[in-house]
Amino acid sequence: MRRIWSFLLMAVMAATAYPLWTEGEVAPLSFSVPDGLTAHSPISIIGDDSLISTVNDENWEGDGSYENPFLISDLFIDGNGTSDCIQLKDTTYHILIDNCVLVNASGYSGLNLYNVTNVHINSTEVKYCHDGIHVGDSGKISIEGIIVDDSSDRGISLSNCIGVFISGSGIYGRYCAIDLFRTSYLEIENCLLSSGDTALHAEECTSFWASNNSYIGASGTGMILDR
């Protein structure tokens, strides 16, 4: 059901050809927890030892392998405007973030990844954040079937990354839906990218493929590629 929900929302965005976020809108003072999700405080994991400790404390499923990744799922996380909703740094195990809702990381990111590998993000919604998803100095990242909306800066930001796959997602950022810098071996397919300025900006990127995407730049440009 959650994948059907995600694609229905994408269809609405595509049909309206207008971002769900409007300039000047601010995050609500409080959020209700969607049915089927569990409210959770922001998560910060730095290093593999911290990851293993958190997995044990939280009773998360998985063993961190490709076949059975550590599973962070069915969570509602409110950053309260003071922190990232989820921060992962310096990890190497396989991690799957699935069916989560991340909100209210104003000034921060809904999901902040730095120096990580093997992180997979599926069927997740990120709203009312500065950057929806920020990834730096990382590799082997997949993002599929997500919604990023109401980002005050960038929907997804990637810098110095190798091996990123983004598919079947609706991404909105006030200034840029997807912003890429020095990222290689990147594929973006079947996505709706919407922004108040530039839908897709790529600078100093190599081995970059984009196919079957829709680009909506309300006042700027659909796509800018800088070499």
N, C-alpha and C. Protein backbone atom coordinates (compact mmCIF):
# COMPACT_ATOMS: atom_id res chain seq x y z
N MET A 1 0.82 -1.21 0.00
CA MET A 1 0.00 0.00 0.00
C MET A 1 0.85 1.26 0.00
N ARG A 2 1.98 1.25 0.75
CA ARG A 2 2.75 2.48 0.85
C ARG A 2 3.35 2.89 -0.48
N ARG A 3 3.73 1.92 -1.34
CA ARG A 3 4.25 2.29 -2.66
C ARG A 3 3.14 2.88 -3.52
N ILE A 4 1.92 2.33 -3.41
CA ILE A 4 0.80 2.87 -4.16
C ILE A 4 0.54 4.30 -3.72
N TRP A 5 0.59 4.55 -2.39
CA TRP A 5 0.40 5.90 -1.85
C TRP A 5 1.42 6.86 -2.42
N SER A 6 2.70 6.45 -2.47
CA SER A 6 3.76 7.32 -2.97
C SER A 6 3.53 7.70 -4.43
N PHE A 7 3.17 6.71 -5.24
CA PHE A 7 3.00 7.00 -6.66
C PHE A 7 1.72 7.79 -6.92
N LEU A 8 0.68 7.62 -6.09
CA LEU A 8 -0.50 8.46 -6.22
C LEU A 8 -0.16 9.91 -5.94
N LEU A 9 0.66 10.16 -4.91
CA LEU A 9 1.06 11.52 -4.61
C LEU A 9 1.88 12.11 -5.74
N MET A 10 2.77 11.31 -6.32
CA MET A 10 3.55 11.78 -7.47
C MET A 10 2.64 12.14 -8.63
N ALA A 11 1.59 11.32 -8.83
CA ALA A 11 0.66 11.58 -9.93
C ALA A 11 -0.06 12.91 -9.73
N VAL A 12 -0.44 13.20 -8.48
CA VAL A 12 -1.08 14.48 -8.19
C VAL A 12 -0.14 15.63 -8.48
N MET A 13 1.14 15.49 -8.05
CA MET A 13 2.12 16.54 -8.30
C MET A 13 2.31 16.77 -9.80
N ALA A 14 2.38 15.67 -10.54
CA ALA A 14 2.58 15.78 -11.99
C ALA A 14 1.38 16.41 -12.66
N ALA A 15 0.19 16.06 -12.21
CA ALA A 15 -1.03 16.58 -12.83
C ALA A 15 -1.17 18.07 -12.59
N THR A 16 -0.78 18.53 -11.41
CA THR A 16 -0.90 19.96 -11.11
C THR A 16 0.24 20.76 -11.69
N ALA A 17 1.39 20.11 -11.96
CA ALA A 17 2.59 20.79 -12.46
C ALA A 17 2.93 21.99 -11.58
N TYR A 18 2.72 21.84 -10.28
CA TYR A 18 2.97 22.93 -9.35
C TYR A 18 3.39 22.32 -8.01
N PRO A 19 4.42 22.86 -7.39
CA PRO A 19 4.88 22.27 -6.13
C PRO A 19 3.82 22.35 -5.05
N LEU A 20 3.81 21.36 -4.16
CA LEU A 20 2.87 21.38 -3.05
C LEU A 20 3.24 22.47 -2.06
N TRP A 21 4.51 22.85 -2.02
CA TRP A 21 4.98 23.89 -1.11
C TRP A 21 4.79 25.25 -1.77
N THR A 22 4.40 26.28 -1.02
CA THR A 22 4.28 27.62 -1.57
C THR A 22 5.17 28.56 -0.77
N GLU A 23 5.76 29.52 -1.45
CA GLU A 23 6.73 30.41 -0.82
C GLU A 23 6.12 31.11 0.38
N GLY A 24 6.85 31.11 1.48
CA GLY A 24 6.37 31.75 2.69
C GLY A 24 5.71 30.79 3.65
N GLU A 25 5.42 29.56 3.22
CA GLU A 25 4.80 28.59 4.09
C GLU A 25 5.79 28.13 5.16
N VAL A 26 5.31 27.94 6.36
CA VAL A 26 6.17 27.48 7.45
C VAL A 26 5.64 26.17 7.98
N ALA A 27 6.52 25.45 8.66
CA ALA A 27 6.13 24.16 9.21
C ALA A 27 5.09 24.34 10.30
N PRO A 28 4.13 23.42 10.38
CA PRO A 28 3.16 23.48 11.49
C PRO A 28 3.88 23.38 12.83
N LEU A 29 3.22 23.89 13.89
CA LEU A 29 3.83 23.82 15.22
C LEU A 29 3.86 22.40 15.75
N SER A 30 2.94 21.57 15.29
CA SER A 30 2.90 20.18 15.74
C SER A 30 2.44 19.30 14.60
N PHE A 31 2.81 18.04 14.69
CA PHE A 31 2.47 17.08 13.65
C PHE A 31 1.78 15.89 14.30
N SER A 32 0.84 15.31 13.60
CA SER A 32 0.22 14.08 14.08
C SER A 32 0.95 12.90 13.47
N VAL A 33 1.06 11.83 14.23
CA VAL A 33 1.75 10.63 13.77
C VAL A 33 0.83 9.85 12.84
N PRO A 34 1.25 9.59 11.60
CA PRO A 34 0.39 8.83 10.68
C PRO A 34 0.11 7.43 11.20
N ASP A 35 -1.05 6.92 10.83
CA ASP A 35 -1.41 5.56 11.21
C ASP A 35 -0.35 4.56 10.74
N GLY A 36 -0.02 3.63 11.60
CA GLY A 36 0.93 2.58 11.24
C GLY A 36 2.38 2.91 11.53
N LEU A 37 2.65 4.17 11.92
CA LEU A 37 4.01 4.57 12.23
C LEU A 37 4.17 4.79 13.74
N THR A 38 5.41 4.70 14.20
CA THR A 38 5.75 4.90 15.61
C THR A 38 6.57 6.17 15.75
N ALA A 39 6.15 7.06 16.65
CA ALA A 39 6.92 8.28 16.91
C ALA A 39 8.27 7.92 17.52
N HIS A 40 9.32 8.59 17.03
CA HIS A 40 10.68 8.29 17.50
C HIS A 40 11.46 9.59 17.57
N SER A 41 12.34 9.70 18.52
CA SER A 41 13.21 10.87 18.62
C SER A 41 14.24 10.83 17.48
N PRO A 42 14.86 11.96 17.14
CA PRO A 42 15.89 11.97 16.10
C PRO A 42 17.00 10.96 16.38
N ILE A 43 17.52 10.39 15.30
CA ILE A 43 18.52 9.33 15.38
C ILE A 43 19.86 9.86 14.90
N SER A 44 20.92 9.68 15.69
CA SER A 44 22.27 10.06 15.29
C SER A 44 23.20 8.87 15.51
N ILE A 45 23.81 8.41 14.42
CA ILE A 45 24.72 7.26 14.47
C ILE A 45 26.03 7.67 13.84
N ILE A 46 27.12 7.54 14.58
CA ILE A 46 28.44 7.92 14.08
C ILE A 46 29.38 6.74 14.27
N GLY A 47 29.69 6.05 13.17
CA GLY A 47 30.59 4.92 13.21
C GLY A 47 29.86 3.59 13.30
N ASP A 48 30.55 2.53 12.89
CA ASP A 48 29.95 1.20 12.91
C ASP A 48 29.67 0.70 14.32
N ASP A 49 30.52 1.04 15.28
CA ASP A 49 30.27 0.62 16.66
C ASP A 49 28.98 1.25 17.18
N SER A 50 28.78 2.53 16.89
CA SER A 50 27.55 3.20 17.30
C SER A 50 26.34 2.57 16.62
N LEU A 51 26.51 2.18 15.35
CA LEU A 51 25.42 1.54 14.62
C LEU A 51 25.03 0.22 15.28
N ILE A 52 26.00 -0.62 15.57
CA ILE A 52 25.71 -1.92 16.19
C ILE A 52 25.04 -1.73 17.54
N SER A 53 25.52 -0.78 18.33
CA SER A 53 24.93 -0.50 19.63
C SER A 53 23.48 -0.07 19.49
N THR A 54 23.22 0.82 18.52
CA THR A 54 21.85 1.31 18.32
C THR A 54 20.94 0.19 17.82
N VAL A 55 21.44 -0.64 16.91
CA VAL A 55 20.66 -1.78 16.41
C VAL A 55 20.24 -2.67 17.59
N ASN A 56 21.16 -2.94 18.50
CA ASN A 56 20.84 -3.78 19.65
C ASN A 56 19.84 -3.11 20.59
N ASP A 57 20.04 -1.81 20.83
CA ASP A 57 19.14 -1.08 21.73
C ASP A 57 17.72 -1.00 21.17
N GLU A 58 17.64 -0.81 19.83
CA GLU A 58 16.34 -0.61 19.20
C GLU A 58 15.68 -1.92 18.74
N ASN A 59 16.43 -3.01 18.80
CA ASN A 59 15.91 -4.29 18.31
C ASN A 59 15.56 -4.24 16.82
N TRP A 60 16.38 -3.51 16.05
CA TRP A 60 16.15 -3.45 14.61
C TRP A 60 16.48 -4.79 13.97
N GLU A 61 15.74 -5.14 12.95
CA GLU A 61 15.97 -6.39 12.23
C GLU A 61 17.21 -6.27 11.34
N GLY A 62 17.74 -7.43 10.91
CA GLY A 62 18.83 -7.47 9.96
C GLY A 62 20.17 -7.74 10.61
N ASP A 63 21.14 -8.10 9.74
CA ASP A 63 22.50 -8.34 10.22
C ASP A 63 23.53 -7.44 9.53
N GLY A 64 23.04 -6.49 8.70
CA GLY A 64 23.93 -5.53 8.06
C GLY A 64 24.54 -6.02 6.76
N SER A 65 24.10 -7.20 6.29
CA SER A 65 24.60 -7.72 5.02
C SER A 65 23.75 -7.20 3.86
N TYR A 66 24.22 -7.44 2.64
CA TYR A 66 23.45 -7.05 1.44
C TYR A 66 22.10 -7.75 1.42
N GLU A 67 22.10 -9.04 1.77
CA GLU A 67 20.88 -9.83 1.73
C GLU A 67 19.93 -9.49 2.87
N ASN A 68 20.45 -9.00 3.99
CA ASN A 68 19.64 -8.77 5.18
C ASN A 68 20.10 -7.49 5.89
N PRO A 69 19.82 -6.33 5.28
CA PRO A 69 20.33 -5.06 5.84
C PRO A 69 19.67 -4.73 7.18
N PHE A 70 20.36 -3.92 7.98
CA PHE A 70 19.73 -3.37 9.17
C PHE A 70 18.52 -2.54 8.72
N LEU A 71 17.38 -2.74 9.39
CA LEU A 71 16.13 -2.14 8.95
C LEU A 71 15.67 -1.05 9.90
N ILE A 72 15.59 0.18 9.37
CA ILE A 72 14.98 1.31 10.08
C ILE A 72 13.66 1.58 9.37
N SER A 73 12.55 1.22 10.00
CA SER A 73 11.29 1.26 9.27
C SER A 73 10.13 1.71 10.15
N ASP A 74 9.10 2.23 9.47
CA ASP A 74 7.81 2.55 10.09
C ASP A 74 7.96 3.54 11.25
N LEU A 75 8.85 4.55 11.07
CA LEU A 75 9.07 5.55 12.11
C LEU A 75 8.60 6.93 11.65
N PHE A 76 8.10 7.71 12.59
CA PHE A 76 7.79 9.12 12.38
C PHE A 76 8.74 9.92 13.25
N ILE A 77 9.59 10.73 12.61
CA ILE A 77 10.62 11.47 13.35
C ILE A 77 10.46 12.97 13.10
N ASP A 78 10.28 13.71 14.17
CA ASP A 78 10.16 15.17 14.14
C ASP A 78 11.48 15.77 14.62
N GLY A 79 12.16 16.51 13.74
CA GLY A 79 13.43 17.13 14.12
C GLY A 79 13.27 18.34 15.02
N ASN A 80 12.01 18.80 15.21
CA ASN A 80 11.72 19.94 16.10
C ASN A 80 12.49 21.20 15.73
N GLY A 81 12.95 21.27 14.49
CA GLY A 81 13.68 22.46 14.05
C GLY A 81 15.05 22.62 14.67
N THR A 82 15.54 21.57 15.36
CA THR A 82 16.82 21.70 16.08
C THR A 82 17.85 20.65 15.68
N SER A 83 17.50 19.69 14.84
CA SER A 83 18.46 18.64 14.47
C SER A 83 18.01 17.95 13.19
N ASP A 84 18.95 17.17 12.61
CA ASP A 84 18.56 16.26 11.54
C ASP A 84 17.59 15.23 12.12
N CYS A 85 16.68 14.73 11.29
CA CYS A 85 15.82 13.63 11.76
C CYS A 85 16.63 12.34 11.89
N ILE A 86 17.41 12.03 10.86
CA ILE A 86 18.32 10.88 10.91
C ILE A 86 19.69 11.32 10.42
N GLN A 87 20.72 11.09 11.23
CA GLN A 87 22.10 11.36 10.83
C GLN A 87 22.87 10.04 10.86
N LEU A 88 23.49 9.71 9.74
CA LEU A 88 24.38 8.54 9.65
C LEU A 88 25.73 9.02 9.18
N LYS A 89 26.79 8.63 9.92
CA LYS A 89 28.14 9.07 9.57
C LYS A 89 29.13 7.93 9.81
N ASP A 90 30.02 7.74 8.85
CA ASP A 90 31.13 6.79 8.99
C ASP A 90 30.65 5.35 9.19
N THR A 91 29.64 4.93 8.43
CA THR A 91 29.16 3.55 8.52
C THR A 91 29.40 2.81 7.20
N THR A 92 29.56 1.49 7.32
CA THR A 92 29.82 0.66 6.13
C THR A 92 28.80 -0.46 5.95
N TYR A 93 28.06 -0.80 6.98
CA TYR A 93 27.06 -1.87 6.86
C TYR A 93 25.92 -1.46 5.94
N HIS A 94 25.21 -2.46 5.42
CA HIS A 94 24.01 -2.19 4.63
C HIS A 94 22.88 -1.78 5.56
N ILE A 95 22.25 -0.65 5.24
CA ILE A 95 21.14 -0.11 6.02
C ILE A 95 19.98 0.19 5.08
N LEU A 96 18.78 -0.23 5.44
CA LEU A 96 17.57 0.08 4.69
C LEU A 96 16.67 0.96 5.53
N ILE A 97 16.38 2.16 5.02
CA ILE A 97 15.42 3.07 5.65
C ILE A 97 14.13 2.98 4.84
N ASP A 98 13.07 2.46 5.45
CA ASP A 98 11.87 2.12 4.69
C ASP A 98 10.61 2.60 5.40
N ASN A 99 9.72 3.21 4.63
CA ASN A 99 8.40 3.60 5.11
C ASN A 99 8.48 4.47 6.37
N CYS A 100 9.32 5.50 6.31
CA CYS A 100 9.42 6.45 7.41
C CYS A 100 8.91 7.82 6.95
N VAL A 101 8.53 8.65 7.91
CA VAL A 101 8.17 10.05 7.65
C VAL A 101 9.07 10.92 8.51
N LEU A 102 9.82 11.82 7.85
CA LEU A 102 10.80 12.68 8.52
C LEU A 102 10.38 14.14 8.31
N VAL A 103 10.17 14.87 9.40
CA VAL A 103 9.63 16.23 9.27
C VAL A 103 10.36 17.22 10.17
N ASN A 104 10.24 18.51 9.80
CA ASN A 104 10.55 19.63 10.68
C ASN A 104 12.02 19.69 11.08
N ALA A 105 12.92 19.47 10.12
CA ALA A 105 14.35 19.69 10.36
C ALA A 105 14.75 21.01 9.71
N SER A 106 14.07 22.07 10.08
CA SER A 106 14.36 23.38 9.49
C SER A 106 15.75 23.81 9.91
N GLY A 107 16.56 24.18 8.91
CA GLY A 107 17.96 24.50 9.17
C GLY A 107 18.85 23.27 9.14
N TYR A 108 18.23 22.09 9.04
CA TYR A 108 18.95 20.82 9.03
C TYR A 108 18.37 19.95 7.91
N SER A 109 18.74 18.68 7.92
CA SER A 109 18.28 17.75 6.87
C SER A 109 17.36 16.69 7.48
N GLY A 110 16.38 16.28 6.70
CA GLY A 110 15.58 15.15 7.13
C GLY A 110 16.45 13.92 7.29
N LEU A 111 17.34 13.71 6.32
CA LEU A 111 18.28 12.59 6.35
C LEU A 111 19.64 13.12 5.94
N ASN A 112 20.62 13.00 6.84
CA ASN A 112 21.97 13.52 6.61
C ASN A 112 22.95 12.36 6.62
N LEU A 113 23.56 12.07 5.48
CA LEU A 113 24.51 10.97 5.34
C LEU A 113 25.88 11.54 5.02
N TYR A 114 26.91 11.12 5.79
CA TYR A 114 28.27 11.58 5.51
C TYR A 114 29.24 10.42 5.68
N ASN A 115 30.05 10.19 4.65
CA ASN A 115 31.06 9.13 4.65
C ASN A 115 30.45 7.77 4.99
N VAL A 116 29.38 7.44 4.28
CA VAL A 116 28.72 6.15 4.47
C VAL A 116 28.69 5.40 3.14
N THR A 117 28.53 4.10 3.23
CA THR A 117 28.29 3.28 2.05
C THR A 117 27.11 2.35 2.34
N ASN A 118 26.48 1.90 1.25
CA ASN A 118 25.46 0.85 1.35
C ASN A 118 24.21 1.28 2.12
N VAL A 119 23.74 2.50 1.85
CA VAL A 119 22.49 2.96 2.46
C VAL A 119 21.41 3.00 1.40
N HIS A 120 20.26 2.42 1.71
CA HIS A 120 19.15 2.31 0.77
C HIS A 120 17.92 2.95 1.40
N ILE A 121 17.27 3.86 0.66
CA ILE A 121 16.13 4.62 1.18
C ILE A 121 14.93 4.32 0.29
N ASN A 122 13.88 3.76 0.87
CA ASN A 122 12.70 3.36 0.11
C ASN A 122 11.43 3.93 0.75
N SER A 123 10.47 4.29 -0.08
CA SER A 123 9.10 4.56 0.35
C SER A 123 9.04 5.45 1.59
N THR A 124 9.80 6.54 1.56
CA THR A 124 9.89 7.45 2.72
C THR A 124 9.50 8.86 2.30
N GLU A 125 8.88 9.60 3.21
CA GLU A 125 8.47 10.97 2.95
C GLU A 125 9.26 11.92 3.84
N VAL A 126 9.77 13.00 3.24
CA VAL A 126 10.55 14.01 3.97
C VAL A 126 9.92 15.37 3.71
N LYS A 127 9.54 16.07 4.80
CA LYS A 127 8.85 17.35 4.64
C LYS A 127 9.37 18.38 5.64
N TYR A 128 9.24 19.66 5.25
CA TYR A 128 9.57 20.79 6.12
C TYR A 128 10.99 20.72 6.67
N CYS A 129 11.94 20.49 5.77
CA CYS A 129 13.36 20.46 6.15
C CYS A 129 14.12 21.49 5.32
N HIS A 130 15.33 21.84 5.75
CA HIS A 130 16.18 22.73 4.96
C HIS A 130 16.60 21.99 3.68
N ASP A 131 17.36 20.92 3.81
CA ASP A 131 17.58 19.96 2.72
C ASP A 131 16.80 18.70 3.08
N GLY A 132 16.08 18.16 2.12
CA GLY A 132 15.37 16.92 2.41
C GLY A 132 16.34 15.80 2.73
N ILE A 133 17.25 15.54 1.79
CA ILE A 133 18.28 14.51 1.97
C ILE A 133 19.62 15.12 1.56
N HIS A 134 20.60 15.06 2.46
CA HIS A 134 21.95 15.54 2.15
C HIS A 134 22.92 14.37 2.25
N VAL A 135 23.70 14.17 1.19
CA VAL A 135 24.67 13.06 1.15
C VAL A 135 26.02 13.62 0.75
N GLY A 136 27.04 13.37 1.57
CA GLY A 136 28.38 13.84 1.25
C GLY A 136 29.42 12.75 1.42
N ASP A 137 30.39 12.71 0.49
CA ASP A 137 31.54 11.79 0.58
C ASP A 137 31.10 10.35 0.81
N SER A 138 30.11 9.91 0.06
CA SER A 138 29.52 8.58 0.28
C SER A 138 29.39 7.82 -1.02
N GLY A 139 29.08 6.52 -0.92
CA GLY A 139 28.94 5.70 -2.11
C GLY A 139 27.95 4.56 -1.91
N LYS A 140 27.52 4.00 -3.05
CA LYS A 140 26.56 2.90 -3.05
C LYS A 140 25.29 3.28 -2.29
N ILE A 141 24.66 4.35 -2.79
CA ILE A 141 23.44 4.87 -2.19
C ILE A 141 22.29 4.69 -3.17
N SER A 142 21.15 4.17 -2.71
CA SER A 142 19.97 4.07 -3.56
C SER A 142 18.80 4.77 -2.88
N ILE A 143 18.03 5.49 -3.70
CA ILE A 143 16.86 6.25 -3.23
C ILE A 143 15.72 5.92 -4.18
N GLU A 144 14.67 5.25 -3.68
CA GLU A 144 13.61 4.78 -4.55
C GLU A 144 12.24 4.99 -3.92
N GLY A 145 11.31 5.50 -4.75
CA GLY A 145 9.93 5.61 -4.34
C GLY A 145 9.70 6.54 -3.17
N ILE A 146 10.43 7.67 -3.11
CA ILE A 146 10.27 8.59 -1.98
C ILE A 146 9.58 9.87 -2.42
N ILE A 147 9.13 10.64 -1.44
CA ILE A 147 8.59 11.98 -1.66
C ILE A 147 9.39 12.94 -0.79
N VAL A 148 9.96 13.97 -1.40
CA VAL A 148 10.59 15.06 -0.66
C VAL A 148 9.83 16.33 -1.02
N ASP A 149 9.23 16.96 -0.02
CA ASP A 149 8.39 18.12 -0.27
C ASP A 149 8.66 19.19 0.79
N ASP A 150 8.34 20.43 0.45
CA ASP A 150 8.45 21.55 1.39
C ASP A 150 9.87 21.79 1.88
N SER A 151 10.90 21.43 1.08
CA SER A 151 12.28 21.73 1.46
C SER A 151 12.56 23.20 1.21
N SER A 152 13.09 23.91 2.20
CA SER A 152 13.32 25.34 2.04
C SER A 152 14.54 25.65 1.19
N ASP A 153 15.43 24.67 0.96
CA ASP A 153 16.59 24.89 0.10
C ASP A 153 16.61 23.84 -1.01
N ARG A 154 17.15 22.66 -0.74
CA ARG A 154 17.30 21.63 -1.77
C ARG A 154 16.56 20.36 -1.36
N GLY A 155 15.94 19.72 -2.36
CA GLY A 155 15.28 18.46 -2.07
C GLY A 155 16.28 17.38 -1.74
N ILE A 156 17.23 17.15 -2.66
CA ILE A 156 18.34 16.21 -2.45
C ILE A 156 19.63 16.90 -2.84
N SER A 157 20.63 16.82 -1.97
CA SER A 157 21.94 17.39 -2.23
C SER A 157 22.99 16.28 -2.16
N LEU A 158 23.79 16.13 -3.22
CA LEU A 158 24.85 15.13 -3.26
C LEU A 158 26.17 15.82 -3.58
N SER A 159 27.21 15.54 -2.78
CA SER A 159 28.53 16.09 -3.08
C SER A 159 29.59 15.02 -2.84
N ASN A 160 30.51 14.91 -3.79
CA ASN A 160 31.63 13.96 -3.69
C ASN A 160 31.16 12.54 -3.41
N CYS A 161 30.19 12.11 -4.19
CA CYS A 161 29.64 10.75 -4.04
C CYS A 161 29.95 9.91 -5.27
N ILE A 162 29.99 8.60 -5.07
CA ILE A 162 30.23 7.66 -6.16
C ILE A 162 29.20 6.55 -6.08
N GLY A 163 28.45 6.36 -7.16
CA GLY A 163 27.50 5.26 -7.21
C GLY A 163 26.20 5.56 -6.50
N VAL A 164 25.34 6.39 -7.14
CA VAL A 164 24.05 6.76 -6.55
C VAL A 164 22.95 6.47 -7.56
N PHE A 165 21.87 5.85 -7.09
CA PHE A 165 20.73 5.52 -7.94
C PHE A 165 19.48 6.14 -7.34
N ILE A 166 18.78 6.99 -8.12
CA ILE A 166 17.55 7.64 -7.67
C ILE A 166 16.45 7.30 -8.67
N SER A 167 15.35 6.74 -8.19
CA SER A 167 14.32 6.26 -9.10
C SER A 167 12.93 6.42 -8.51
N GLY A 168 11.95 6.69 -9.40
CA GLY A 168 10.54 6.66 -9.03
C GLY A 168 10.17 7.56 -7.88
N SER A 169 10.73 8.79 -7.84
CA SER A 169 10.53 9.67 -6.70
C SER A 169 10.03 11.04 -7.13
N GLY A 170 9.32 11.71 -6.24
CA GLY A 170 8.91 13.09 -6.44
C GLY A 170 9.71 13.99 -5.51
N ILE A 171 10.49 14.93 -6.09
CA ILE A 171 11.44 15.73 -5.30
C ILE A 171 11.15 17.21 -5.51
N TYR A 172 10.93 17.95 -4.41
CA TYR A 172 10.77 19.39 -4.50
C TYR A 172 11.73 20.09 -3.53
N GLY A 173 12.41 21.12 -4.05
CA GLY A 173 13.23 22.00 -3.21
C GLY A 173 13.01 23.42 -3.68
N ARG A 174 12.92 24.35 -2.74
CA ARG A 174 12.61 25.73 -3.11
C ARG A 174 13.61 26.28 -4.12
N TYR A 175 14.91 26.02 -3.90
CA TYR A 175 15.93 26.55 -4.81
C TYR A 175 16.42 25.50 -5.79
N CYS A 176 16.36 24.23 -5.43
CA CYS A 176 16.81 23.18 -6.34
C CYS A 176 16.22 21.85 -5.88
N ALA A 177 15.67 21.09 -6.83
CA ALA A 177 15.14 19.77 -6.46
C ALA A 177 16.29 18.81 -6.18
N ILE A 178 17.24 18.68 -7.11
CA ILE A 178 18.43 17.85 -6.90
C ILE A 178 19.66 18.68 -7.27
N ASP A 179 20.58 18.80 -6.33
CA ASP A 179 21.81 19.56 -6.53
C ASP A 179 22.99 18.60 -6.43
N LEU A 180 23.80 18.52 -7.48
CA LEU A 180 24.89 17.54 -7.57
C LEU A 180 26.22 18.27 -7.72
N PHE A 181 27.22 17.83 -6.96
CA PHE A 181 28.56 18.41 -7.08
C PHE A 181 29.59 17.30 -6.98
N ARG A 182 30.44 17.20 -8.01
CA ARG A 182 31.53 16.22 -8.04
C ARG A 182 31.04 14.82 -7.65
N THR A 183 29.97 14.43 -8.30
CA THR A 183 29.40 13.10 -8.07
C THR A 183 29.50 12.30 -9.36
N SER A 184 29.86 11.03 -9.26
CA SER A 184 30.04 10.20 -10.46
C SER A 184 29.28 8.88 -10.33
N TYR A 185 29.06 8.27 -11.49
CA TYR A 185 28.30 7.02 -11.57
C TYR A 185 26.95 7.19 -10.87
N LEU A 186 26.21 8.15 -11.42
CA LEU A 186 24.91 8.53 -10.88
C LEU A 186 23.83 8.28 -11.94
N GLU A 187 22.71 7.70 -11.52
CA GLU A 187 21.58 7.49 -12.42
C GLU A 187 20.31 8.01 -11.76
N ILE A 188 19.57 8.83 -12.52
CA ILE A 188 18.27 9.35 -12.07
C ILE A 188 17.23 8.97 -13.12
N GLU A 189 16.20 8.25 -12.71
CA GLU A 189 15.20 7.81 -13.68
C GLU A 189 13.79 7.87 -13.09
N ASN A 190 12.84 8.14 -13.98
CA ASN A 190 11.41 8.10 -13.63
C ASN A 190 11.07 8.95 -12.42
N CYS A 191 11.63 10.16 -12.37
CA CYS A 191 11.39 11.06 -11.24
C CYS A 191 10.71 12.35 -11.71
N LEU A 192 9.96 12.96 -10.81
CA LEU A 192 9.43 14.30 -11.00
C LEU A 192 10.24 15.25 -10.15
N LEU A 193 10.94 16.19 -10.80
CA LEU A 193 11.80 17.14 -10.10
C LEU A 193 11.20 18.53 -10.25
N SER A 194 10.84 19.14 -9.13
CA SER A 194 10.14 20.43 -9.15
C SER A 194 10.82 21.40 -8.22
N SER A 195 10.89 22.67 -8.64
CA SER A 195 11.57 23.67 -7.83
C SER A 195 11.04 25.06 -8.15
N GLY A 196 11.19 25.97 -7.18
CA GLY A 196 10.89 27.36 -7.45
C GLY A 196 11.94 28.02 -8.31
N ASP A 197 13.10 27.35 -8.49
CA ASP A 197 14.18 27.91 -9.30
C ASP A 197 14.68 26.88 -10.30
N THR A 198 15.63 26.02 -9.90
CA THR A 198 16.23 25.05 -10.82
C THR A 198 15.88 23.63 -10.38
N ALA A 199 15.33 22.85 -11.30
CA ALA A 199 14.93 21.48 -10.94
C ALA A 199 16.15 20.59 -10.71
N LEU A 200 17.14 20.64 -11.61
CA LEU A 200 18.33 19.80 -11.49
C LEU A 200 19.56 20.61 -11.82
N HIS A 201 20.52 20.63 -10.89
CA HIS A 201 21.79 21.31 -11.12
C HIS A 201 22.92 20.32 -10.88
N ALA A 202 23.79 20.15 -11.87
CA ALA A 202 24.93 19.24 -11.76
C ALA A 202 26.20 19.99 -12.12
N GLU A 203 27.19 19.93 -11.23
CA GLU A 203 28.47 20.61 -11.45
C GLU A 203 29.62 19.64 -11.23
N GLU A 204 30.50 19.56 -12.24
CA GLU A 204 31.68 18.71 -12.19
C GLU A 204 31.31 17.25 -11.90
N CYS A 205 30.28 16.78 -12.57
CA CYS A 205 29.84 15.39 -12.41
C CYS A 205 30.24 14.58 -13.64
N THR A 206 30.56 13.31 -13.45
CA THR A 206 30.93 12.43 -14.55
C THR A 206 30.11 11.15 -14.47
N SER A 207 30.01 10.45 -15.62
CA SER A 207 29.24 9.20 -15.69
C SER A 207 27.87 9.39 -15.06
N PHE A 208 27.12 10.32 -15.67
CA PHE A 208 25.83 10.75 -15.14
C PHE A 208 24.75 10.45 -16.17
N TRP A 209 23.74 9.66 -15.76
CA TRP A 209 22.65 9.30 -16.65
C TRP A 209 21.33 9.78 -16.07
N ALA A 210 20.48 10.40 -16.91
CA ALA A 210 19.15 10.82 -16.49
C ALA A 210 18.16 10.42 -17.59
N SER A 211 17.10 9.71 -17.22
CA SER A 211 16.16 9.24 -18.22
C SER A 211 14.73 9.23 -17.68
N ASN A 212 13.78 9.56 -18.55
CA ASN A 212 12.35 9.50 -18.24
C ASN A 212 11.98 10.33 -17.01
N ASN A 213 12.60 11.51 -16.89
CA ASN A 213 12.28 12.39 -15.77
C ASN A 213 11.50 13.60 -16.27
N SER A 214 10.73 14.22 -15.37
CA SER A 214 10.04 15.47 -15.67
C SER A 214 10.69 16.56 -14.83
N TYR A 215 11.02 17.69 -15.49
CA TYR A 215 11.71 18.79 -14.82
C TYR A 215 10.82 20.02 -14.83
N ILE A 216 10.52 20.55 -13.64
CA ILE A 216 9.68 21.73 -13.53
C ILE A 216 10.44 22.77 -12.73
N GLY A 217 10.92 23.82 -13.42
CA GLY A 217 11.57 24.93 -12.75
C GLY A 217 10.67 26.14 -12.85
N ALA A 218 10.02 26.51 -11.74
CA ALA A 218 8.95 27.50 -11.78
C ALA A 218 9.44 28.86 -12.28
N SER A 219 10.61 29.32 -11.79
CA SER A 219 11.07 30.65 -12.20
C SER A 219 12.48 30.61 -12.79
N GLY A 220 13.11 29.45 -12.75
CA GLY A 220 14.47 29.35 -13.26
C GLY A 220 14.56 28.41 -14.43
N THR A 221 15.37 27.35 -14.28
CA THR A 221 15.68 26.45 -15.38
C THR A 221 15.41 25.02 -14.96
N GLY A 222 14.93 24.22 -15.93
CA GLY A 222 14.68 22.83 -15.62
C GLY A 222 15.96 22.08 -15.26
N MET A 223 17.02 22.26 -16.07
CA MET A 223 18.27 21.53 -15.83
C MET A 223 19.46 22.41 -16.17
N ILE A 224 20.46 22.43 -15.28
CA ILE A 224 21.73 23.13 -15.52
C ILE A 224 22.85 22.14 -15.32
N LEU A 225 23.69 21.96 -16.34
CA LEU A 225 24.84 21.09 -16.26
C LEU A 225 26.10 21.93 -16.41
N ASP A 226 26.92 22.00 -15.37
CA ASP A 226 28.17 22.77 -15.40
C ASP A 226 29.33 21.78 -15.41
N ARG A 227 30.24 21.97 -16.35
CA ARG A 227 31.42 21.11 -16.44
C ARG A 227 32.60 21.77 -15.74
